[in-house]
Amino acid sequence: MGVADEADRTLFVGNLDPKVTEELLFELFLQAGPMFKVKIPKDNDGKQKAFGFVCFKHEVSVPYGMNLLNGATLFGRTLKIQFRAGVNPLLII
């Protein structure tokens, strides 16, 4: 599995509250399918940014996770979820 393959299995999750942890995102998105990893980047001061990435084990979990959790509220903030790699090939019919 290469980097491009991982991008196809990854969702961008925006508008995160500072209280959200990688563990919490993992547990939340596990509802959509088996997870590979979750990452919330940090700035130069070590403070986490307001977005993260959720990578699934299977590409089919990506559109399901997006439909399931896009617009969900976490700590009073509405999650903004989008495909990391742009257009998901599973949605092209």
PDB file of N, CA and C in Angstrom:
ATOM      1  N   MET A   1       0.835  -1.183   0.000  1.00  0.00           N
ATOM      2  CA  MET A   1       0.000   0.000   0.000  1.00  0.00           C
ATOM      3  C   MET A   1       0.877   1.243   0.000  1.00  0.00           C
ATOM      4  N   GLY A   2       0.688   2.064  -1.011  1.00  0.00           N
ATOM      5  CA  GLY A   2       1.495   3.260  -1.127  1.00  0.00           C
ATOM      6  C   GLY A   2       0.820   4.477  -0.537  1.00  0.00           C
ATOM      7  N   VAL A   3       1.490   5.603  -0.704  1.00  0.00           N
ATOM      8  CA  VAL A   3       0.965   6.861  -0.177  1.00  0.00           C
ATOM      9  C   VAL A   3      -0.330   7.238  -0.892  1.00  0.00           C
ATOM     10  N   ALA A   4      -0.379   7.035  -2.215  1.00  0.00           N
ATOM     11  CA  ALA A   4      -1.597   7.363  -2.959  1.00  0.00           C
ATOM     12  C   ALA A   4      -2.762   6.506  -2.483  1.00  0.00           C
ATOM     13  N   ASP A   5      -2.502   5.233  -2.237  1.00  0.00           N
ATOM     14  CA  ASP A   5      -3.548   4.343  -1.738  1.00  0.00           C
ATOM     15  C   ASP A   5      -4.038   4.810  -0.369  1.00  0.00           C
ATOM     16  N   GLU A   6      -3.128   5.242   0.483  1.00  0.00           N
ATOM     17  CA  GLU A   6      -3.519   5.736   1.804  1.00  0.00           C
ATOM     18  C   GLU A   6      -4.362   6.997   1.680  1.00  0.00           C
ATOM     19  N   ALA A   7      -4.031   7.867   0.745  1.00  0.00           N
ATOM     20  CA  ALA A   7      -4.819   9.094   0.547  1.00  0.00           C
ATOM     21  C   ALA A   7      -6.249   8.757   0.134  1.00  0.00           C
ATOM     22  N   ASP A   8      -6.429   7.690  -0.640  1.00  0.00           N
ATOM     23  CA  ASP A   8      -7.763   7.274  -1.066  1.00  0.00           C
ATOM     24  C   ASP A   8      -8.576   6.700   0.092  1.00  0.00           C
ATOM     25  N   ARG A   9      -7.920   6.340   1.181  1.00  0.00           N
ATOM     26  CA  ARG A   9      -8.605   5.769   2.339  1.00  0.00           C
ATOM     27  C   ARG A   9      -8.698   6.769   3.490  1.00  0.00           C
ATOM     28  N   THR A  10      -8.411   8.039   3.207  1.00  0.00           N
ATOM     29  CA  THR A  10      -8.322   9.055   4.262  1.00  0.00           C
ATOM     30  C   THR A  10      -9.365  10.149   4.105  1.00  0.00           C
ATOM     31  N   LEU A  11      -9.944  10.537   5.229  1.00  0.00           N
ATOM     32  CA  LEU A  11     -10.852  11.677   5.285  1.00  0.00           C
ATOM     33  C   LEU A  11     -10.183  12.830   6.030  1.00  0.00           C
ATOM     34  N   PHE A  12     -10.437  14.037   5.567  1.00  0.00           N
ATOM     35  CA  PHE A  12     -10.045  15.254   6.265  1.00  0.00           C
ATOM     36  C   PHE A  12     -11.203  15.615   7.187  1.00  0.00           C
ATOM     37  N   VAL A  13     -10.897  15.881   8.458  1.00  0.00           N
ATOM     38  CA  VAL A  13     -11.924  16.256   9.435  1.00  0.00           C
ATOM     39  C   VAL A  13     -11.566  17.640   9.974  1.00  0.00           C
ATOM     40  N   GLY A  14     -12.391  18.628   9.653  1.00  0.00           N
ATOM     41  CA  GLY A  14     -12.117  20.000  10.053  1.00  0.00           C
ATOM     42  C   GLY A  14     -13.052  20.501  11.132  1.00  0.00           C
ATOM     43  N   ASN A  15     -12.701  21.674  11.672  1.00  0.00           N
ATOM     44  CA  ASN A  15     -13.459  22.371  12.704  1.00  0.00           C
ATOM     45  C   ASN A  15     -13.431  21.620  14.032  1.00  0.00           C
ATOM     46  N   LEU A  16     -12.269  21.067  14.366  1.00  0.00           N
ATOM     47  CA  LEU A  16     -12.129  20.326  15.623  1.00  0.00           C
ATOM     48  C   LEU A  16     -11.928  21.261  16.804  1.00  0.00           C
ATOM     49  N   ASP A  17     -12.582  20.961  17.885  1.00  0.00           N
ATOM     50  CA  ASP A  17     -12.387  21.661  19.148  1.00  0.00           C
ATOM     51  C   ASP A  17     -11.036  21.225  19.725  1.00  0.00           C
ATOM     52  N   PRO A  18     -10.341  22.102  20.451  1.00  0.00           N
ATOM     53  CA  PRO A  18      -9.061  21.713  21.049  1.00  0.00           C
ATOM     54  C   PRO A  18      -9.147  20.523  22.012  1.00  0.00           C
ATOM     55  N   LYS A  19     -10.339  20.233  22.533  1.00  0.00           N
ATOM     56  CA  LYS A  19     -10.494  19.100  23.455  1.00  0.00           C
ATOM     57  C   LYS A  19     -10.531  17.750  22.741  1.00  0.00           C
ATOM     58  N   VAL A  20     -10.688  17.768  21.411  1.00  0.00           N
ATOM     59  CA  VAL A  20     -10.759  16.516  20.655  1.00  0.00           C
ATOM     60  C   VAL A  20      -9.357  15.889  20.591  1.00  0.00           C
ATOM     61  N   THR A  21      -9.297  14.605  20.897  1.00  0.00           N
ATOM     62  CA  THR A  21      -8.025  13.871  20.840  1.00  0.00           C
ATOM     63  C   THR A  21      -8.047  12.893  19.670  1.00  0.00           C
ATOM     64  N   GLU A  22      -6.878  12.388  19.320  1.00  0.00           N
ATOM     65  CA  GLU A  22      -6.790  11.374  18.274  1.00  0.00           C
ATOM     66  C   GLU A  22      -7.558  10.121  18.695  1.00  0.00           C
ATOM     67  N   GLU A  23      -7.512   9.788  19.968  1.00  0.00           N
ATOM     68  CA  GLU A  23      -8.230   8.613  20.471  1.00  0.00           C
ATOM     69  C   GLU A  23      -9.739   8.778  20.314  1.00  0.00           C
ATOM     70  N   LEU A  24     -10.235   9.986  20.586  1.00  0.00           N
ATOM     71  CA  LEU A  24     -11.672  10.251  20.449  1.00  0.00           C
ATOM     72  C   LEU A  24     -12.110  10.149  18.983  1.00  0.00           C
ATOM     73  N   LEU A  25     -11.316  10.724  18.074  1.00  0.00           N
ATOM     74  CA  LEU A  25     -11.640  10.607  16.648  1.00  0.00           C
ATOM     75  C   LEU A  25     -11.616   9.151  16.198  1.00  0.00           C
ATOM     76  N   PHE A  26     -10.644   8.400  16.694  1.00  0.00           N
ATOM     77  CA  PHE A  26     -10.552   6.978  16.348  1.00  0.00           C
ATOM     78  C   PHE A  26     -11.838   6.258  16.750  1.00  0.00           C
ATOM     79  N   GLU A  27     -12.267   6.468  17.978  1.00  0.00           N
ATOM     80  CA  GLU A  27     -13.481   5.805  18.476  1.00  0.00           C
ATOM     81  C   GLU A  27     -14.725   6.252  17.707  1.00  0.00           C
ATOM     82  N   LEU A  28     -14.804   7.536  17.372  1.00  0.00           N
ATOM     83  CA  LEU A  28     -15.957   8.057  16.645  1.00  0.00           C
ATOM     84  C   LEU A  28     -16.038   7.470  15.240  1.00  0.00           C
ATOM     85  N   PHE A  29     -14.926   7.493  14.507  1.00  0.00           N
ATOM     86  CA  PHE A  29     -14.934   7.036  13.120  1.00  0.00           C
ATOM     87  C   PHE A  29     -14.893   5.523  12.993  1.00  0.00           C
ATOM     88  N   LEU A  30     -14.626   4.824  14.058  1.00  0.00           N
ATOM     89  CA  LEU A  30     -14.640   3.362  14.038  1.00  0.00           C
ATOM     90  C   LEU A  30     -16.033   2.831  13.697  1.00  0.00           C
ATOM     91  N   GLN A  31     -17.052   3.667  13.905  1.00  0.00           N
ATOM     92  CA  GLN A  31     -18.418   3.295  13.526  1.00  0.00           C
ATOM     93  C   GLN A  31     -18.544   3.061  12.022  1.00  0.00           C
ATOM     94  N   ALA A  32     -17.671   3.699  11.233  1.00  0.00           N
ATOM     95  CA  ALA A  32     -17.745   3.604   9.773  1.00  0.00           C
ATOM     96  C   ALA A  32     -16.952   2.431   9.212  1.00  0.00           C
ATOM     97  N   GLY A  33     -16.044   1.880  10.003  1.00  0.00           N
ATOM     98  CA  GLY A  33     -15.244   0.758   9.516  1.00  0.00           C
ATOM     99  C   GLY A  33     -13.918   0.678  10.236  1.00  0.00           C
ATOM    100  N   PRO A  34     -13.179  -0.410   9.995  1.00  0.00           N
ATOM    101  CA  PRO A  34     -11.873  -0.579  10.649  1.00  0.00           C
ATOM    102  C   PRO A  34     -10.923   0.565  10.291  1.00  0.00           C
ATOM    103  N   MET A  35     -10.180   1.009  11.302  1.00  0.00           N
ATOM    104  CA  MET A  35      -9.287   2.150  11.132  1.00  0.00           C
ATOM    105  C   MET A  35      -7.836   1.698  10.983  1.00  0.00           C
ATOM    106  N   PHE A  36      -7.078   2.517  10.255  1.00  0.00           N
ATOM    107  CA  PHE A  36      -5.640   2.314  10.116  1.00  0.00           C
ATOM    108  C   PHE A  36      -4.905   3.259  11.058  1.00  0.00           C
ATOM    109  N   LYS A  37      -5.262   4.565  10.996  1.00  0.00           N
ATOM    110  CA  LYS A  37      -4.652   5.550  11.895  1.00  0.00           C
ATOM    111  C   LYS A  37      -5.436   6.846  11.887  1.00  0.00           C
ATOM    112  N   VAL A  38      -5.184   7.664  12.901  1.00  0.00           N
ATOM    113  CA  VAL A  38      -5.776   8.996  13.035  1.00  0.00           C
ATOM    114  C   VAL A  38      -4.652   9.954  13.392  1.00  0.00           C
ATOM    115  N   LYS A  39      -4.648  11.136  12.779  1.00  0.00           N
ATOM    116  CA  LYS A  39      -3.597  12.111  13.056  1.00  0.00           C
ATOM    117  C   LYS A  39      -4.198  13.506  13.150  1.00  0.00           C
ATOM    118  N   ILE A  40      -3.899  14.197  14.243  1.00  0.00           N
ATOM    119  CA  ILE A  40      -4.225  15.614  14.379  1.00  0.00           C
ATOM    120  C   ILE A  40      -2.882  16.346  14.413  1.00  0.00           C
ATOM    121  N   PRO A  41      -2.547  17.089  13.357  1.00  0.00           N
ATOM    122  CA  PRO A  41      -1.263  17.793  13.318  1.00  0.00           C
ATOM    123  C   PRO A  41      -1.146  18.858  14.406  1.00  0.00           C
ATOM    124  N   LYS A  42       0.093  19.207  14.728  1.00  0.00           N
ATOM    125  CA  LYS A  42       0.362  20.250  15.723  1.00  0.00           C
ATOM    126  C   LYS A  42       1.147  21.377  15.069  1.00  0.00           C
ATOM    127  N   ASP A  43       0.976  22.590  15.614  1.00  0.00           N
ATOM    128  CA  ASP A  43       1.737  23.723  15.096  1.00  0.00           C
ATOM    129  C   ASP A  43       3.133  23.728  15.717  1.00  0.00           C
ATOM    130  N   ASN A  44       3.911  24.754  15.412  1.00  0.00           N
ATOM    131  CA  ASN A  44       5.296  24.828  15.903  1.00  0.00           C
ATOM    132  C   ASN A  44       5.394  24.945  17.414  1.00  0.00           C
ATOM    133  N   ASP A  45       4.324  25.402  18.058  1.00  0.00           N
ATOM    134  CA  ASP A  45       4.303  25.536  19.515  1.00  0.00           C
ATOM    135  C   ASP A  45       3.793  24.272  20.201  1.00  0.00           C
ATOM    136  N   GLY A  46       3.464  23.248  19.412  1.00  0.00           N
ATOM    137  CA  GLY A  46       2.968  21.998  19.978  1.00  0.00           C
ATOM    138  C   GLY A  46       1.475  21.983  20.240  1.00  0.00           C
ATOM    139  N   LYS A  47       0.784  23.051  19.833  1.00  0.00           N
ATOM    140  CA  LYS A  47      -0.672  23.125  20.006  1.00  0.00           C
ATOM    141  C   LYS A  47      -1.336  22.451  18.809  1.00  0.00           C
ATOM    142  N   GLN A  48      -2.329  21.599  19.078  1.00  0.00           N
ATOM    143  CA  GLN A  48      -2.954  20.889  17.961  1.00  0.00           C
ATOM    144  C   GLN A  48      -3.775  21.826  17.106  1.00  0.00           C
ATOM    145  N   LYS A  49      -3.784  21.517  15.807  1.00  0.00           N
ATOM    146  CA  LYS A  49      -4.538  22.315  14.850  1.00  0.00           C
ATOM    147  C   LYS A  49      -6.007  21.913  14.915  1.00  0.00           C
ATOM    148  N   ALA A  50      -6.849  22.673  14.223  1.00  0.00           N
ATOM    149  CA  ALA A  50      -8.297  22.452  14.280  1.00  0.00           C
ATOM    150  C   ALA A  50      -8.777  21.460  13.223  1.00  0.00           C
ATOM    151  N   PHE A  51      -7.876  20.608  12.741  1.00  0.00           N
ATOM    152  CA  PHE A  51      -8.255  19.598  11.761  1.00  0.00           C
ATOM    153  C   PHE A  51      -7.425  18.338  11.975  1.00  0.00           C
ATOM    154  N   GLY A  52      -7.893  17.269  11.383  1.00  0.00           N
ATOM    155  CA  GLY A  52      -7.176  16.012  11.486  1.00  0.00           C
ATOM    156  C   GLY A  52      -7.469  15.130  10.284  1.00  0.00           C
ATOM    157  N   PHE A  53      -6.817  13.967  10.271  1.00  0.00           N
ATOM    158  CA  PHE A  53      -6.989  13.011   9.187  1.00  0.00           C
ATOM    159  C   PHE A  53      -7.319  11.653   9.768  1.00  0.00           C
ATOM    160  N   VAL A  54      -8.290  10.995   9.160  1.00  0.00           N
ATOM    161  CA  VAL A  54      -8.732   9.675   9.592  1.00  0.00           C
ATOM    162  C   VAL A  54      -8.498   8.728   8.424  1.00  0.00           C
ATOM    163  N   CYS A  55      -7.682   7.698   8.637  1.00  0.00           N
ATOM    164  CA  CYS A  55      -7.369   6.751   7.571  1.00  0.00           C
ATOM    165  C   CYS A  55      -7.977   5.387   7.905  1.00  0.00           C
ATOM    166  N   PHE A  56      -8.790   4.901   6.997  1.00  0.00           N
ATOM    167  CA  PHE A  56      -9.450   3.606   7.167  1.00  0.00           C
ATOM    168  C   PHE A  56      -8.613   2.484   6.568  1.00  0.00           C
ATOM    169  N   LYS A  57      -8.870   1.275   6.994  1.00  0.00           N
ATOM    170  CA  LYS A  57      -8.201   0.105   6.415  1.00  0.00           C
ATOM    171  C   LYS A  57      -8.737  -0.190   5.021  1.00  0.00           C
ATOM    172  N   HIS A  58     -10.021   0.124   4.785  1.00  0.00           N
ATOM    173  CA  HIS A  58     -10.658  -0.204   3.512  1.00  0.00           C
ATOM    174  C   HIS A  58     -11.235   1.054   2.874  1.00  0.00           C
ATOM    175  N   GLU A  59     -11.021   1.196   1.584  1.00  0.00           N
ATOM    176  CA  GLU A  59     -11.482   2.377   0.858  1.00  0.00           C
ATOM    177  C   GLU A  59     -13.003   2.530   0.885  1.00  0.00           C
ATOM    178  N   VAL A  60     -13.735   1.432   0.973  1.00  0.00           N
ATOM    179  CA  VAL A  60     -15.201   1.505   0.982  1.00  0.00           C
ATOM    180  C   VAL A  60     -15.745   2.191   2.239  1.00  0.00           C
ATOM    181  N   SER A  61     -14.936   2.262   3.289  1.00  0.00           N
ATOM    182  CA  SER A  61     -15.369   2.917   4.524  1.00  0.00           C
ATOM    183  C   SER A  61     -15.361   4.439   4.404  1.00  0.00           C
ATOM    184  N   VAL A  62     -14.630   4.963   3.430  1.00  0.00           N
ATOM    185  CA  VAL A  62     -14.469   6.418   3.309  1.00  0.00           C
ATOM    186  C   VAL A  62     -15.793   7.130   3.016  1.00  0.00           C
ATOM    187  N   PRO A  63     -16.510   6.778   1.935  1.00  0.00           N
ATOM    188  CA  PRO A  63     -17.776   7.486   1.706  1.00  0.00           C
ATOM    189  C   PRO A  63     -18.806   7.227   2.796  1.00  0.00           C
ATOM    190  N   TYR A  64     -18.778   6.033   3.372  1.00  0.00           N
ATOM    191  CA  TYR A  64     -19.711   5.725   4.459  1.00  0.00           C
ATOM    192  C   TYR A  64     -19.417   6.605   5.669  1.00  0.00           C
ATOM    193  N   GLY A  65     -18.148   6.720   6.030  1.00  0.00           N
ATOM    194  CA  GLY A  65     -17.759   7.568   7.159  1.00  0.00           C
ATOM    195  C   GLY A  65     -18.114   9.021   6.942  1.00  0.00           C
ATOM    196  N   MET A  66     -17.943   9.474   5.710  1.00  0.00           N
ATOM    197  CA  MET A  66     -18.273  10.863   5.405  1.00  0.00           C
ATOM    198  C   MET A  66     -19.775  11.102   5.533  1.00  0.00           C
ATOM    199  N   ASN A  67     -20.570  10.211   4.955  1.00  0.00           N
ATOM    200  CA  ASN A  67     -22.025  10.367   5.034  1.00  0.00           C
ATOM    201  C   ASN A  67     -22.547  10.207   6.459  1.00  0.00           C
ATOM    202  N   LEU A  68     -21.928   9.333   7.216  1.00  0.00           N
ATOM    203  CA  LEU A  68     -22.357   9.059   8.580  1.00  0.00           C
ATOM    204  C   LEU A  68     -22.070  10.220   9.531  1.00  0.00           C
ATOM    205  N   LEU A  69     -20.904  10.847   9.383  1.00  0.00           N
ATOM    206  CA  LEU A  69     -20.463  11.802  10.406  1.00  0.00           C
ATOM    207  C   LEU A  69     -20.317  13.252   9.955  1.00  0.00           C
ATOM    208  N   ASN A  70     -20.433  13.530   8.659  1.00  0.00           N
ATOM    209  CA  ASN A  70     -20.330  14.918   8.219  1.00  0.00           C
ATOM    210  C   ASN A  70     -21.490  15.715   8.816  1.00  0.00           C
ATOM    211  N   GLY A  71     -21.174  16.796   9.494  1.00  0.00           N
ATOM    212  CA  GLY A  71     -22.199  17.624  10.127  1.00  0.00           C
ATOM    213  C   GLY A  71     -22.486  17.240  11.566  1.00  0.00           C
ATOM    214  N   ALA A  72     -21.865  16.152  12.049  1.00  0.00           N
ATOM    215  CA  ALA A  72     -22.042  15.777  13.458  1.00  0.00           C
ATOM    216  C   ALA A  72     -21.413  16.854  14.344  1.00  0.00           C
ATOM    217  N   THR A  73     -21.937  16.992  15.548  1.00  0.00           N
ATOM    218  CA  THR A  73     -21.419  17.989  16.485  1.00  0.00           C
ATOM    219  C   THR A  73     -20.589  17.316  17.562  1.00  0.00           C
ATOM    220  N   LEU A  74     -19.413  17.881  17.796  1.00  0.00           N
ATOM    221  CA  LEU A  74     -18.498  17.363  18.805  1.00  0.00           C
ATOM    222  C   LEU A  74     -17.979  18.539  19.622  1.00  0.00           C
ATOM    223  N   PHE A  75     -18.245  18.552  20.921  1.00  0.00           N
ATOM    224  CA  PHE A  75     -17.897  19.668  21.807  1.00  0.00           C
ATOM    225  C   PHE A  75     -18.424  20.992  21.267  1.00  0.00           C
ATOM    226  N   GLY A  76     -19.656  20.969  20.734  1.00  0.00           N
ATOM    227  CA  GLY A  76     -20.302  22.190  20.272  1.00  0.00           C
ATOM    228  C   GLY A  76     -19.872  22.664  18.897  1.00  0.00           C
ATOM    229  N   ARG A  77     -19.007  21.919  18.216  1.00  0.00           N
ATOM    230  CA  ARG A  77     -18.561  22.313  16.878  1.00  0.00           C
ATOM    231  C   ARG A  77     -19.044  21.301  15.843  1.00  0.00           C
ATOM    232  N   THR A  78     -19.493  21.809  14.706  1.00  0.00           N
ATOM    233  CA  THR A  78     -19.959  20.947  13.630  1.00  0.00           C
ATOM    234  C   THR A  78     -18.762  20.471  12.812  1.00  0.00           C
ATOM    235  N   LEU A  79     -18.610  19.152  12.703  1.00  0.00           N
ATOM    236  CA  LEU A  79     -17.499  18.589  11.945  1.00  0.00           C
ATOM    237  C   LEU A  79     -17.682  18.835  10.452  1.00  0.00           C
ATOM    238  N   LYS A  80     -16.606  19.234   9.805  1.00  0.00           N
ATOM    239  CA  LYS A  80     -16.581  19.436   8.353  1.00  0.00           C
ATOM    240  C   LYS A  80     -15.688  18.338   7.782  1.00  0.00           C
ATOM    241  N   ILE A  81     -16.292  17.409   7.073  1.00  0.00           N
ATOM    242  CA  ILE A  81     -15.561  16.254   6.577  1.00  0.00           C
ATOM    243  C   ILE A  81     -15.530  16.274   5.055  1.00  0.00           C
ATOM    244  N   GLN A  82     -14.343  16.008   4.497  1.00  0.00           N
ATOM    245  CA  GLN A  82     -14.215  15.918   3.050  1.00  0.00           C
ATOM    246  C   GLN A  82     -13.173  14.875   2.675  1.00  0.00           C
ATOM    247  N   PHE A  83     -13.208  14.452   1.422  1.00  0.00           N
ATOM    248  CA  PHE A  83     -12.243  13.477   0.943  1.00  0.00           C
ATOM    249  C   PHE A  83     -10.871  14.126   0.872  1.00  0.00           C
ATOM    250  N   ARG A  84      -9.859  13.445   1.362  1.00  0.00           N
ATOM    251  CA  ARG A  84      -8.517  13.999   1.340  1.00  0.00           C
ATOM    252  C   ARG A  84      -7.971  14.061  -0.076  1.00  0.00           C
ATOM    253  N   ALA A  85      -8.250  13.042  -0.875  1.00  0.00           N
ATOM    254  CA  ALA A  85      -7.668  12.946  -2.214  1.00  0.00           C
ATOM    255  C   ALA A  85      -8.518  13.624  -3.278  1.00  0.00           C
ATOM    256  N   GLY A  86      -9.463  14.452  -2.887  1.00  0.00           N
ATOM    257  CA  GLY A  86     -10.322  15.103  -3.862  1.00  0.00           C
ATOM    258  C   GLY A  86     -11.556  14.270  -4.128  1.00  0.00           C
ATOM    259  N   VAL A  87     -11.731  13.821  -5.352  1.00  0.00           N
ATOM    260  CA  VAL A  87     -12.901  13.021  -5.719  1.00  0.00           C
ATOM    261  C   VAL A  87     -12.621  11.552  -5.406  1.00  0.00           C
ATOM    262  N   ASN A  88     -13.522  10.935  -4.681  1.00  0.00           N
ATOM    263  CA  ASN A  88     -13.378   9.517  -4.369  1.00  0.00           C
ATOM    264  C   ASN A  88     -13.849   8.695  -5.568  1.00  0.00           C
ATOM    265  N   PRO A  89     -12.989   7.803  -6.096  1.00  0.00           N
ATOM    266  CA  PRO A  89     -13.369   7.032  -7.277  1.00  0.00           C
ATOM    267  C   PRO A  89     -14.576   6.132  -7.051  1.00  0.00           C
ATOM    268  N   LEU A  90     -14.904   5.806  -5.817  1.00  0.00           N
ATOM    269  CA  LEU A  90     -16.063   4.950  -5.553  1.00  0.00           C
ATOM    270  C   LEU A  90     -17.370   5.691  -5.806  1.00  0.00           C
ATOM    271  N   LEU A  91     -17.316   7.012  -5.866  1.00  0.00           N
ATOM    272  CA  LEU A  91     -18.532   7.790  -6.071  1.00  0.00           C
ATOM    273  C   LEU A  91     -18.787   8.096  -7.539  1.00  0.00           C
ATOM    274  N   ILE A  92     -17.856   7.754  -8.410  1.00  0.00           N
ATOM    275  CA  ILE A  92     -18.036   7.988  -9.838  1.00  0.00           C
ATOM    276  C   ILE A  92     -18.754   6.786 -10.434  1.00  0.00           C
ATOM    277  N   ILE A  93     -19.916   7.038 -10.995  1.00  0.00           N
ATOM    278  CA  ILE A  93     -20.716   5.943 -11.555  1.00  0.00           C
ATOM    279  C   ILE A  93     -20.838   6.125 -13.054  1.00  0.00           C
TER     280      ILE A  93
END
